[in-house]
Amino acid sequence: MTDVRWGELSGKDGTGLRVSTEPGDHLELSALRYTPADLDGPKHPHELTPRKETVLGVNHRQMGLGGNDSWGAAPLEQYLLHADRTYRYGYRLRAV
């Protein structure tokens, strides 16, 4: 999910973890049964083996995947992340 201000992961008993950011800021969150390394190798979803634990991903942002066509156009300028800039973000983890 993108443009997230906060999110919670909890078990059946209601206990869990809350991640939040500062007012006016946003995060990207994911909660998967796979690590990034798990997703890197297989070519098809049926080749994945779900883990018992949930893997929480907390990111600042990601660059867009493509432009306005399907022939390799670059992302639009507003979705580019330039390597010569400094990006900072913060978040808080709290038990719930």
Protein backbone atom coordinates (compact mmCIF):
# COMPACT_ATOMS: atom_id res chain seq x y z
CA MET A 1 0.00 0.00 0.00
CA THR A 2 1.18 3.50 -0.74
CA ASP A 3 0.44 6.88 0.88
CA VAL A 4 -0.05 5.20 4.26
CA ARG A 5 0.01 7.18 7.51
CA TRP A 6 -0.22 4.15 9.80
CA GLY A 7 -0.89 0.43 9.76
CA GLU A 8 -1.34 -2.39 12.27
CA LEU A 9 -0.58 -6.09 12.25
CA SER A 10 -2.23 -8.15 14.94
CA GLY A 11 -2.94 -11.74 15.83
CA LYS A 12 -6.22 -13.38 16.74
CA ASP A 13 -5.72 -12.25 20.34
CA GLY A 14 -5.51 -8.60 19.25
CA THR A 15 -1.86 -8.05 20.19
CA GLY A 16 0.45 -6.81 17.51
CA LEU A 17 2.50 -3.99 16.07
CA ARG A 18 1.56 -0.52 14.86
CA VAL A 19 3.76 1.43 12.45
CA SER A 20 3.16 5.16 11.97
CA THR A 21 4.85 8.21 10.53
CA GLU A 22 4.94 11.90 11.34
CA PRO A 23 1.93 14.07 10.43
CA GLY A 24 2.09 15.09 6.78
CA ASP A 25 4.42 12.21 5.88
CA HIS A 26 3.55 8.94 4.15
CA LEU A 27 4.98 5.43 3.95
CA GLU A 28 4.63 2.35 1.79
CA LEU A 29 3.74 -0.80 3.73
CA SER A 30 3.53 -4.47 2.84
CA ALA A 31 2.72 -7.52 4.97
CA LEU A 32 3.60 -10.76 3.21
CA ARG A 33 4.35 -14.39 4.00
CA TYR A 34 7.54 -14.05 1.95
CA THR A 35 10.87 -12.25 2.32
CA PRO A 36 12.20 -10.15 -0.58
CA ALA A 37 14.74 -12.95 -1.23
CA ASP A 38 11.89 -15.49 -1.45
CA LEU A 39 10.26 -13.43 -4.20
CA ASP A 40 13.48 -12.95 -6.17
CA GLY A 41 13.93 -16.46 -7.54
CA PRO A 42 10.69 -18.17 -8.57
CA LYS A 43 9.15 -17.40 -11.93
CA HIS A 44 5.60 -18.47 -10.96
CA PRO A 45 3.51 -17.92 -7.80
CA HIS A 46 2.94 -21.65 -7.29
CA GLU A 47 6.71 -22.05 -6.75
CA LEU A 48 6.56 -19.95 -3.54
CA THR A 49 6.28 -21.53 -0.11
CA PRO A 50 4.58 -19.24 2.43
CA ARG A 51 6.41 -18.72 5.72
CA LYS A 52 4.74 -19.11 9.12
CA GLU A 53 5.67 -15.54 10.05
CA THR A 54 4.51 -12.32 8.41
CA VAL A 55 7.22 -10.10 6.93
CA LEU A 56 6.51 -6.37 7.37
CA GLY A 57 8.03 -4.07 4.75
CA VAL A 58 8.30 -0.36 5.56
CA ASN A 59 9.53 1.89 2.75
CA HIS A 60 9.64 5.58 2.05
CA ARG A 61 8.81 5.37 -1.64
CA GLN A 62 9.60 3.53 -4.83
CA MET A 63 10.19 4.85 -8.31
CA GLY A 64 7.43 4.35 -10.87
CA LEU A 65 7.64 1.33 -13.15
CA GLY A 66 6.99 2.90 -16.52
CA GLY A 67 5.60 5.72 -18.55
CA ASN A 68 2.50 6.15 -20.63
CA ASP A 69 3.06 3.28 -23.03
CA SER A 70 4.15 -0.34 -22.95
CA TRP A 71 7.28 0.15 -25.09
CA GLY A 72 9.84 1.07 -22.45
CA ALA A 73 9.09 4.72 -21.79
CA ALA A 74 10.61 6.12 -18.59
CA PRO A 75 8.38 6.99 -15.62
CA LEU A 76 6.93 10.48 -15.61
CA GLU A 77 9.17 13.08 -13.93
CA GLN A 78 6.91 13.32 -10.85
CA TYR A 79 7.49 9.60 -10.15
CA LEU A 80 11.28 9.53 -10.58
CA LEU A 81 13.66 9.07 -7.65
CA HIS A 82 16.95 10.72 -8.52
CA ALA A 83 20.20 9.15 -7.27
CA ASP A 84 21.87 12.53 -6.67
CA ARG A 85 19.38 13.55 -3.95
CA THR A 86 19.12 12.75 -0.27
CA TYR A 87 15.89 11.13 0.90
CA ARG A 88 14.97 10.85 4.56
CA TYR A 89 12.04 9.34 6.36
CA GLY A 90 11.19 8.06 9.79
CA TYR A 91 8.62 5.84 11.39
CA ARG A 92 7.61 4.54 14.80
CA LEU A 93 6.89 0.99 15.88
CA ARG A 94 4.57 0.50 18.84
CA ALA A 95 3.19 -2.63 20.48
CA VAL A 96 -0.62 -2.88 20.47
